[in-house]
Amino acid sequence: MAERTATIGSPVGLHARPAAIFTRAAEDSGIQVRISKNGSVPQDAASILGVMTIGAKYGDTVTLHAEGARAARVLEELAELLSRDLDA
């Protein structure tokens, strides 16, 4: 299993628009990606409800988890996405 940490770059955290952009990208990746914060139960990264449940705020560190041949590359792309201001 591949893991990658990311720091939330949107001032509103993973709420509403940033969460929708992130979940769409996770779904479009074609592999199952999960997201967790501070050791919480990993949530489906393609589920807006699951992503918002972890309560990630600006500056928080989250962990992305995935399996498969493309997992490392997909997690790198998703981590880079999370580091940006997605509410701009």
PDB file of N, CA and C in Angstrom:
ATOM      1  N   MET A   1       0.844  -1.174   0.000  1.00  0.00           N
ATOM      2  CA  MET A   1       0.000   0.000   0.000  1.00  0.00           C
ATOM      3  C   MET A   1       0.887   1.235   0.000  1.00  0.00           C
ATOM      4  N   ALA A   2       0.564   2.177  -0.877  1.00  0.00           N
ATOM      5  CA  ALA A   2       1.286   3.446  -0.945  1.00  0.00           C
ATOM      6  C   ALA A   2       0.605   4.456  -0.029  1.00  0.00           C
ATOM      7  N   GLU A   3       1.400   5.292   0.587  1.00  0.00           N
ATOM      8  CA  GLU A   3       0.877   6.382   1.418  1.00  0.00           C
ATOM      9  C   GLU A   3       1.617   7.655   1.065  1.00  0.00           C
ATOM     10  N   ARG A   4       0.926   8.756   1.229  1.00  0.00           N
ATOM     11  CA  ARG A   4       1.522  10.073   0.952  1.00  0.00           C
ATOM     12  C   ARG A   4       0.849  11.075   1.865  1.00  0.00           C
ATOM     13  N   THR A   5       1.603  11.934   2.513  1.00  0.00           N
ATOM     14  CA  THR A   5       1.007  12.982   3.324  1.00  0.00           C
ATOM     15  C   THR A   5       0.894  14.255   2.491  1.00  0.00           C
ATOM     16  N   ALA A   6      -0.058  15.079   2.884  1.00  0.00           N
ATOM     17  CA  ALA A   6      -0.283  16.357   2.198  1.00  0.00           C
ATOM     18  C   ALA A   6      -0.748  17.368   3.230  1.00  0.00           C
ATOM     19  N   THR A   7      -0.409  18.618   2.993  1.00  0.00           N
ATOM     20  CA  THR A   7      -0.867  19.709   3.853  1.00  0.00           C
ATOM     21  C   THR A   7      -1.955  20.469   3.109  1.00  0.00           C
ATOM     22  N   ILE A   8      -3.057  20.708   3.780  1.00  0.00           N
ATOM     23  CA  ILE A   8      -4.212  21.371   3.176  1.00  0.00           C
ATOM     24  C   ILE A   8      -3.873  22.840   2.918  1.00  0.00           C
ATOM     25  N   GLY A   9      -3.984  23.264   1.658  1.00  0.00           N
ATOM     26  CA  GLY A   9      -3.622  24.627   1.267  1.00  0.00           C
ATOM     27  C   GLY A   9      -4.789  25.575   1.092  1.00  0.00           C
ATOM     28  N   SER A  10      -6.014  25.064   1.110  1.00  0.00           N
ATOM     29  CA  SER A  10      -7.183  25.943   0.957  1.00  0.00           C
ATOM     30  C   SER A  10      -7.520  26.586   2.298  1.00  0.00           C
ATOM     31  N   PRO A  11      -7.680  27.916   2.336  1.00  0.00           N
ATOM     32  CA  PRO A  11      -8.005  28.599   3.587  1.00  0.00           C
ATOM     33  C   PRO A  11      -9.286  28.090   4.258  1.00  0.00           C
ATOM     34  N   VAL A  12     -10.218  27.541   3.493  1.00  0.00           N
ATOM     35  CA  VAL A  12     -11.457  27.001   4.074  1.00  0.00           C
ATOM     36  C   VAL A  12     -11.316  25.521   4.414  1.00  0.00           C
ATOM     37  N   GLY A  13     -10.136  24.958   4.223  1.00  0.00           N
ATOM     38  CA  GLY A  13      -9.922  23.543   4.481  1.00  0.00           C
ATOM     39  C   GLY A  13     -10.592  22.694   3.407  1.00  0.00           C
ATOM     40  N   LEU A  14     -10.873  21.444   3.754  1.00  0.00           N
ATOM     41  CA  LEU A  14     -11.546  20.551   2.808  1.00  0.00           C
ATOM     42  C   LEU A  14     -13.051  20.645   3.047  1.00  0.00           C
ATOM     43  N   HIS A  15     -13.606  21.767   2.648  1.00  0.00           N
ATOM     44  CA  HIS A  15     -15.024  22.018   2.813  1.00  0.00           C
ATOM     45  C   HIS A  15     -15.590  22.499   1.483  1.00  0.00           C
ATOM     46  N   ALA A  16     -16.786  22.089   1.165  1.00  0.00           N
ATOM     47  CA  ALA A  16     -17.534  22.524  -0.017  1.00  0.00           C
ATOM     48  C   ALA A  16     -16.733  22.415  -1.318  1.00  0.00           C
ATOM     49  N   ARG A  17     -16.393  23.554  -1.906  1.00  0.00           N
ATOM     50  CA  ARG A  17     -15.753  23.549  -3.224  1.00  0.00           C
ATOM     51  C   ARG A  17     -14.426  22.787  -3.249  1.00  0.00           C
ATOM     52  N   PRO A  18     -13.494  23.043  -2.320  1.00  0.00           N
ATOM     53  CA  PRO A  18     -12.244  22.276  -2.343  1.00  0.00           C
ATOM     54  C   PRO A  18     -12.475  20.765  -2.209  1.00  0.00           C
ATOM     55  N   ALA A  19     -13.405  20.373  -1.369  1.00  0.00           N
ATOM     56  CA  ALA A  19     -13.704  18.947  -1.203  1.00  0.00           C
ATOM     57  C   ALA A  19     -14.269  18.367  -2.489  1.00  0.00           C
ATOM     58  N   ALA A  20     -15.130  19.111  -3.163  1.00  0.00           N
ATOM     59  CA  ALA A  20     -15.718  18.633  -4.421  1.00  0.00           C
ATOM     60  C   ALA A  20     -14.649  18.471  -5.495  1.00  0.00           C
ATOM     61  N   ILE A  21     -13.734  19.406  -5.591  1.00  0.00           N
ATOM     62  CA  ILE A  21     -12.652  19.323  -6.582  1.00  0.00           C
ATOM     63  C   ILE A  21     -11.768  18.116  -6.285  1.00  0.00           C
ATOM     64  N   PHE A  22     -11.421  17.944  -5.009  1.00  0.00           N
ATOM     65  CA  PHE A  22     -10.567  16.827  -4.619  1.00  0.00           C
ATOM     66  C   PHE A  22     -11.251  15.481  -4.856  1.00  0.00           C
ATOM     67  N   THR A  23     -12.505  15.342  -4.449  1.00  0.00           N
ATOM     68  CA  THR A  23     -13.194  14.056  -4.620  1.00  0.00           C
ATOM     69  C   THR A  23     -13.358  13.703  -6.093  1.00  0.00           C
ATOM     70  N   ARG A  24     -13.600  14.699  -6.924  1.00  0.00           N
ATOM     71  CA  ARG A  24     -13.709  14.451  -8.365  1.00  0.00           C
ATOM     72  C   ARG A  24     -12.378  13.928  -8.913  1.00  0.00           C
ATOM     73  N   ALA A  25     -11.284  14.533  -8.489  1.00  0.00           N
ATOM     74  CA  ALA A  25      -9.956  14.087  -8.947  1.00  0.00           C
ATOM     75  C   ALA A  25      -9.653  12.675  -8.443  1.00  0.00           C
ATOM     76  N   ALA A  26     -10.029  12.382  -7.201  1.00  0.00           N
ATOM     77  CA  ALA A  26      -9.813  11.037  -6.658  1.00  0.00           C
ATOM     78  C   ALA A  26     -10.615  10.009  -7.445  1.00  0.00           C
ATOM     79  N   GLU A  27     -11.857  10.335  -7.757  1.00  0.00           N
ATOM     80  CA  GLU A  27     -12.693   9.423  -8.533  1.00  0.00           C
ATOM     81  C   GLU A  27     -12.144   9.232  -9.944  1.00  0.00           C
ATOM     82  N   ASP A  28     -11.705  10.319 -10.563  1.00  0.00           N
ATOM     83  CA  ASP A  28     -11.171  10.270 -11.923  1.00  0.00           C
ATOM     84  C   ASP A  28      -9.844   9.513 -12.016  1.00  0.00           C
ATOM     85  N   SER A  29      -9.182   9.312 -10.890  1.00  0.00           N
ATOM     86  CA  SER A  29      -7.890   8.611 -10.903  1.00  0.00           C
ATOM     87  C   SER A  29      -8.031   7.154 -11.330  1.00  0.00           C
ATOM     88  N   GLY A  30      -9.208   6.591 -11.139  1.00  0.00           N
ATOM     89  CA  GLY A  30      -9.433   5.210 -11.533  1.00  0.00           C
ATOM     90  C   GLY A  30      -8.971   4.169 -10.529  1.00  0.00           C
ATOM     91  N   ILE A  31      -8.426   4.613  -9.396  1.00  0.00           N
ATOM     92  CA  ILE A  31      -8.054   3.662  -8.340  1.00  0.00           C
ATOM     93  C   ILE A  31      -8.712   4.101  -7.039  1.00  0.00           C
ATOM     94  N   GLN A  32      -8.864   3.166  -6.115  1.00  0.00           N
ATOM     95  CA  GLN A  32      -9.470   3.487  -4.823  1.00  0.00           C
ATOM     96  C   GLN A  32      -8.452   4.221  -3.960  1.00  0.00           C
ATOM     97  N   VAL A  33      -8.804   5.437  -3.573  1.00  0.00           N
ATOM     98  CA  VAL A  33      -7.955   6.264  -2.727  1.00  0.00           C
ATOM     99  C   VAL A  33      -8.721   6.516  -1.433  1.00  0.00           C
ATOM    100  N   ARG A  34      -7.999   6.461  -0.329  1.00  0.00           N
ATOM    101  CA  ARG A  34      -8.600   6.752   0.967  1.00  0.00           C
ATOM    102  C   ARG A  34      -7.819   7.911   1.587  1.00  0.00           C
ATOM    103  N   ILE A  35      -8.474   8.643   2.486  1.00  0.00           N
ATOM    104  CA  ILE A  35      -7.862   9.804   3.143  1.00  0.00           C
ATOM    105  C   ILE A  35      -8.145   9.724   4.639  1.00  0.00           C
ATOM    106  N   SER A  36      -7.139  10.083   5.423  1.00  0.00           N
ATOM    107  CA  SER A  36      -7.314  10.107   6.880  1.00  0.00           C
ATOM    108  C   SER A  36      -6.562  11.299   7.467  1.00  0.00           C
ATOM    109  N   LYS A  37      -6.913  11.613   8.711  1.00  0.00           N
ATOM    110  CA  LYS A  37      -6.253  12.714   9.429  1.00  0.00           C
ATOM    111  C   LYS A  37      -5.974  12.256  10.845  1.00  0.00           C
ATOM    112  N   ASN A  38      -4.749  12.431  11.300  1.00  0.00           N
ATOM    113  CA  ASN A  38      -4.367  12.089  12.669  1.00  0.00           C
ATOM    114  C   ASN A  38      -4.731  10.673  13.064  1.00  0.00           C
ATOM    115  N   GLY A  39      -4.520   9.717  12.171  1.00  0.00           N
ATOM    116  CA  GLY A  39      -4.778   8.330  12.503  1.00  0.00           C
ATOM    117  C   GLY A  39      -6.245   7.932  12.532  1.00  0.00           C
ATOM    118  N   SER A  40      -7.112   8.796  12.022  1.00  0.00           N
ATOM    119  CA  SER A  40      -8.536   8.464  11.979  1.00  0.00           C
ATOM    120  C   SER A  40      -8.781   7.317  11.005  1.00  0.00           C
ATOM    121  N   VAL A  41      -9.982   6.767  11.034  1.00  0.00           N
ATOM    122  CA  VAL A  41     -10.344   5.715  10.092  1.00  0.00           C
ATOM    123  C   VAL A  41     -10.313   6.310   8.690  1.00  0.00           C
ATOM    124  N   PRO A  42      -9.560   5.709   7.766  1.00  0.00           N
ATOM    125  CA  PRO A  42      -9.496   6.242   6.396  1.00  0.00           C
ATOM    126  C   PRO A  42     -10.866   6.254   5.717  1.00  0.00           C
ATOM    127  N   GLN A  43     -11.160   7.347   5.052  1.00  0.00           N
ATOM    128  CA  GLN A  43     -12.418   7.539   4.355  1.00  0.00           C
ATOM    129  C   GLN A  43     -12.186   7.445   2.849  1.00  0.00           C
ATOM    130  N   ASP A  44     -13.232   7.100   2.122  1.00  0.00           N
ATOM    131  CA  ASP A  44     -13.182   7.051   0.657  1.00  0.00           C
ATOM    132  C   ASP A  44     -12.950   8.468   0.134  1.00  0.00           C
ATOM    133  N   ALA A  45     -11.839   8.668  -0.557  1.00  0.00           N
ATOM    134  CA  ALA A  45     -11.496   9.999  -1.060  1.00  0.00           C
ATOM    135  C   ALA A  45     -12.389  10.446  -2.211  1.00  0.00           C
ATOM    136  N   ALA A  46     -13.175   9.539  -2.778  1.00  0.00           N
ATOM    137  CA  ALA A  46     -14.102   9.904  -3.848  1.00  0.00           C
ATOM    138  C   ALA A  46     -15.483  10.258  -3.304  1.00  0.00           C
ATOM    139  N   SER A  47     -15.637  10.218  -1.983  1.00  0.00           N
ATOM    140  CA  SER A  47     -16.908  10.539  -1.335  1.00  0.00           C
ATOM    141  C   SER A  47     -16.811  11.901  -0.658  1.00  0.00           C
ATOM    142  N   ILE A  48     -17.607  12.858  -1.121  1.00  0.00           N
ATOM    143  CA  ILE A  48     -17.542  14.196  -0.521  1.00  0.00           C
ATOM    144  C   ILE A  48     -17.917  14.145   0.956  1.00  0.00           C
ATOM    145  N   LEU A  49     -18.886  13.318   1.309  1.00  0.00           N
ATOM    146  CA  LEU A  49     -19.270  13.193   2.715  1.00  0.00           C
ATOM    147  C   LEU A  49     -18.118  12.608   3.532  1.00  0.00           C
ATOM    148  N   GLY A  50     -17.463  11.580   2.986  1.00  0.00           N
ATOM    149  CA  GLY A  50     -16.331  10.985   3.685  1.00  0.00           C
ATOM    150  C   GLY A  50     -15.190  11.965   3.879  1.00  0.00           C
ATOM    151  N   VAL A  51     -14.892  12.726   2.842  1.00  0.00           N
ATOM    152  CA  VAL A  51     -13.799  13.702   2.914  1.00  0.00           C
ATOM    153  C   VAL A  51     -14.127  14.803   3.926  1.00  0.00           C
ATOM    154  N   MET A  52     -15.348  15.295   3.899  1.00  0.00           N
ATOM    155  CA  MET A  52     -15.724  16.364   4.833  1.00  0.00           C
ATOM    156  C   MET A  52     -15.801  15.852   6.271  1.00  0.00           C
ATOM    157  N   THR A  53     -16.053  14.556   6.445  1.00  0.00           N
ATOM    158  CA  THR A  53     -16.140  13.954   7.779  1.00  0.00           C
ATOM    159  C   THR A  53     -14.826  14.063   8.545  1.00  0.00           C
ATOM    160  N   ILE A  54     -13.691  14.019   7.850  1.00  0.00           N
ATOM    161  CA  ILE A  54     -12.419  14.061   8.571  1.00  0.00           C
ATOM    162  C   ILE A  54     -12.113  15.449   9.133  1.00  0.00           C
ATOM    163  N   GLY A  55     -12.831  16.477   8.674  1.00  0.00           N
ATOM    164  CA  GLY A  55     -12.688  17.818   9.242  1.00  0.00           C
ATOM    165  C   GLY A  55     -11.334  18.461   9.029  1.00  0.00           C
ATOM    166  N   ALA A  56     -10.740  18.281   7.872  1.00  0.00           N
ATOM    167  CA  ALA A  56      -9.420  18.849   7.596  1.00  0.00           C
ATOM    168  C   ALA A  56      -9.518  20.356   7.370  1.00  0.00           C
ATOM    169  N   LYS A  57      -8.736  21.094   8.139  1.00  0.00           N
ATOM    170  CA  LYS A  57      -8.701  22.554   8.050  1.00  0.00           C
ATOM    171  C   LYS A  57      -7.391  22.997   7.395  1.00  0.00           C
ATOM    172  N   TYR A  58      -7.326  24.278   7.062  1.00  0.00           N
ATOM    173  CA  TYR A  58      -6.129  24.865   6.467  1.00  0.00           C
ATOM    174  C   TYR A  58      -4.910  24.541   7.333  1.00  0.00           C
ATOM    175  N   GLY A  59      -3.870  24.034   6.694  1.00  0.00           N
ATOM    176  CA  GLY A  59      -2.627  23.724   7.389  1.00  0.00           C
ATOM    177  C   GLY A  59      -2.577  22.342   8.005  1.00  0.00           C
ATOM    178  N   ASP A  60      -3.706  21.636   8.074  1.00  0.00           N
ATOM    179  CA  ASP A  60      -3.720  20.275   8.609  1.00  0.00           C
ATOM    180  C   ASP A  60      -2.971  19.336   7.666  1.00  0.00           C
ATOM    181  N   THR A  61      -2.423  18.293   8.224  1.00  0.00           N
ATOM    182  CA  THR A  61      -1.780  17.249   7.434  1.00  0.00           C
ATOM    183  C   THR A  61      -2.715  16.060   7.355  1.00  0.00           C
ATOM    184  N   VAL A  62      -2.916  15.570   6.144  1.00  0.00           N
ATOM    185  CA  VAL A  62      -3.736  14.379   5.918  1.00  0.00           C
ATOM    186  C   VAL A  62      -2.855  13.312   5.268  1.00  0.00           C
ATOM    187  N   THR A  63      -3.304  12.080   5.352  1.00  0.00           N
ATOM    188  CA  THR A  63      -2.582  10.971   4.725  1.00  0.00           C
ATOM    189  C   THR A  63      -3.483  10.346   3.668  1.00  0.00           C
ATOM    190  N   LEU A  64      -2.923  10.166   2.494  1.00  0.00           N
ATOM    191  CA  LEU A  64      -3.618   9.515   1.390  1.00  0.00           C
ATOM    192  C   LEU A  64      -3.100   8.083   1.286  1.00  0.00           C
ATOM    193  N   HIS A  65      -4.002   7.135   1.018  1.00  0.00           N
ATOM    194  CA  HIS A  65      -3.665   5.721   0.942  1.00  0.00           C
ATOM    195  C   HIS A  65      -4.226   5.151  -0.355  1.00  0.00           C
ATOM    196  N   ALA A  66      -3.463   4.289  -1.024  1.00  0.00           N
ATOM    197  CA  ALA A  66      -3.951   3.613  -2.230  1.00  0.00           C
ATOM    198  C   ALA A  66      -3.085   2.393  -2.510  1.00  0.00           C
ATOM    199  N   GLU A  67      -3.626   1.490  -3.316  1.00  0.00           N
ATOM    200  CA  GLU A  67      -2.889   0.305  -3.740  1.00  0.00           C
ATOM    201  C   GLU A  67      -2.887   0.234  -5.259  1.00  0.00           C
ATOM    202  N   GLY A  68      -1.892  -0.446  -5.789  1.00  0.00           N
ATOM    203  CA  GLY A  68      -1.842  -0.651  -7.225  1.00  0.00           C
ATOM    204  C   GLY A  68      -0.579  -0.089  -7.848  1.00  0.00           C
ATOM    205  N   ALA A  69      -0.397  -0.432  -9.110  1.00  0.00           N
ATOM    206  CA  ALA A  69       0.809  -0.044  -9.839  1.00  0.00           C
ATOM    207  C   ALA A  69       0.956   1.471  -9.973  1.00  0.00           C
ATOM    208  N   ARG A  70      -0.164   2.177 -10.111  1.00  0.00           N
ATOM    209  CA  ARG A  70      -0.117   3.637 -10.305  1.00  0.00           C
ATOM    210  C   ARG A  70      -0.320   4.412  -9.008  1.00  0.00           C
ATOM    211  N   ALA A  71      -0.416   3.720  -7.882  1.00  0.00           N
ATOM    212  CA  ALA A  71      -0.783   4.357  -6.621  1.00  0.00           C
ATOM    213  C   ALA A  71       0.144   5.520  -6.248  1.00  0.00           C
ATOM    214  N   ALA A  72       1.438   5.318  -6.320  1.00  0.00           N
ATOM    215  CA  ALA A  72       2.379   6.367  -5.906  1.00  0.00           C
ATOM    216  C   ALA A  72       2.205   7.622  -6.750  1.00  0.00           C
ATOM    217  N   ARG A  73       2.071   7.457  -8.056  1.00  0.00           N
ATOM    218  CA  ARG A  73       1.907   8.623  -8.935  1.00  0.00           C
ATOM    219  C   ARG A  73       0.591   9.343  -8.672  1.00  0.00           C
ATOM    220  N   VAL A  74      -0.486   8.583  -8.515  1.00  0.00           N
ATOM    221  CA  VAL A  74      -1.802   9.181  -8.241  1.00  0.00           C
ATOM    222  C   VAL A  74      -1.784   9.931  -6.920  1.00  0.00           C
ATOM    223  N   LEU A  75      -1.198   9.337  -5.896  1.00  0.00           N
ATOM    224  CA  LEU A  75      -1.148  10.011  -4.597  1.00  0.00           C
ATOM    225  C   LEU A  75      -0.314  11.280  -4.656  1.00  0.00           C
ATOM    226  N   GLU A  76       0.745  11.260  -5.420  1.00  0.00           N
ATOM    227  CA  GLU A  76       1.572  12.469  -5.589  1.00  0.00           C
ATOM    228  C   GLU A  76       0.744  13.588  -6.231  1.00  0.00           C
ATOM    229  N   GLU A  77      -0.009  13.256  -7.270  1.00  0.00           N
ATOM    230  CA  GLU A  77      -0.847  14.251  -7.942  1.00  0.00           C
ATOM    231  C   GLU A  77      -1.932  14.781  -7.023  1.00  0.00           C
ATOM    232  N   LEU A  78      -2.563  13.903  -6.256  1.00  0.00           N
ATOM    233  CA  LEU A  78      -3.619  14.337  -5.339  1.00  0.00           C
ATOM    234  C   LEU A  78      -3.051  15.178  -4.192  1.00  0.00           C
ATOM    235  N   ALA A  79      -1.872  14.817  -3.705  1.00  0.00           N
ATOM    236  CA  ALA A  79      -1.230  15.594  -2.643  1.00  0.00           C
ATOM    237  C   ALA A  79      -0.905  17.005  -3.137  1.00  0.00           C
ATOM    238  N   GLU A  80      -0.425  17.103  -4.364  1.00  0.00           N
ATOM    239  CA  GLU A  80      -0.122  18.418  -4.944  1.00  0.00           C
ATOM    240  C   GLU A  80      -1.408  19.230  -5.070  1.00  0.00           C
ATOM    241  N   LEU A  81      -2.486  18.595  -5.463  1.00  0.00           N
ATOM    242  CA  LEU A  81      -3.779  19.274  -5.579  1.00  0.00           C
ATOM    243  C   LEU A  81      -4.220  19.815  -4.220  1.00  0.00           C
ATOM    244  N   LEU A  82      -4.110  18.998  -3.180  1.00  0.00           N
ATOM    245  CA  LEU A  82      -4.523  19.436  -1.839  1.00  0.00           C
ATOM    246  C   LEU A  82      -3.689  20.596  -1.316  1.00  0.00           C
ATOM    247  N   SER A  83      -2.452  20.712  -1.766  1.00  0.00           N
ATOM    248  CA  SER A  83      -1.568  21.773  -1.266  1.00  0.00           C
ATOM    249  C   SER A  83      -1.922  23.147  -1.838  1.00  0.00           C
ATOM    250  N   ARG A  84      -2.764  23.170  -2.872  1.00  0.00           N
ATOM    251  CA  ARG A  84      -3.152  24.436  -3.500  1.00  0.00           C
ATOM    252  C   ARG A  84      -4.419  25.023  -2.863  1.00  0.00           C
ATOM    253  N   ASP A  85      -4.646  26.300  -3.114  1.00  0.00           N
ATOM    254  CA  ASP A  85      -5.891  26.957  -2.696  1.00  0.00           C
ATOM    255  C   ASP A  85      -6.966  26.604  -3.717  1.00  0.00           C
ATOM    256  N   LEU A  86      -7.791  25.623  -3.411  1.00  0.00           N
ATOM    257  CA  LEU A  86      -8.819  25.166  -4.337  1.00  0.00           C
ATOM    258  C   LEU A  86     -10.093  25.990  -4.265  1.00  0.00           C
ATOM    259  N   ASP A  87     -10.092  27.001  -3.428  1.00  0.00           N
ATOM    260  CA  ASP A  87     -11.279  27.863  -3.298  1.00  0.00           C
ATOM    261  C   ASP A  87     -11.072  29.205  -3.988  1.00  0.00           C
ATOM    262  N   ALA A  88      -9.968  29.337  -4.705  1.00  0.00           N
ATOM    263  CA  ALA A  88      -9.654  30.619  -5.366  1.00  0.00           C
ATOM    264  C   ALA A  88     -10.457  30.785  -6.640  1.00  0.00           C
TER     265      ALA A  88
END
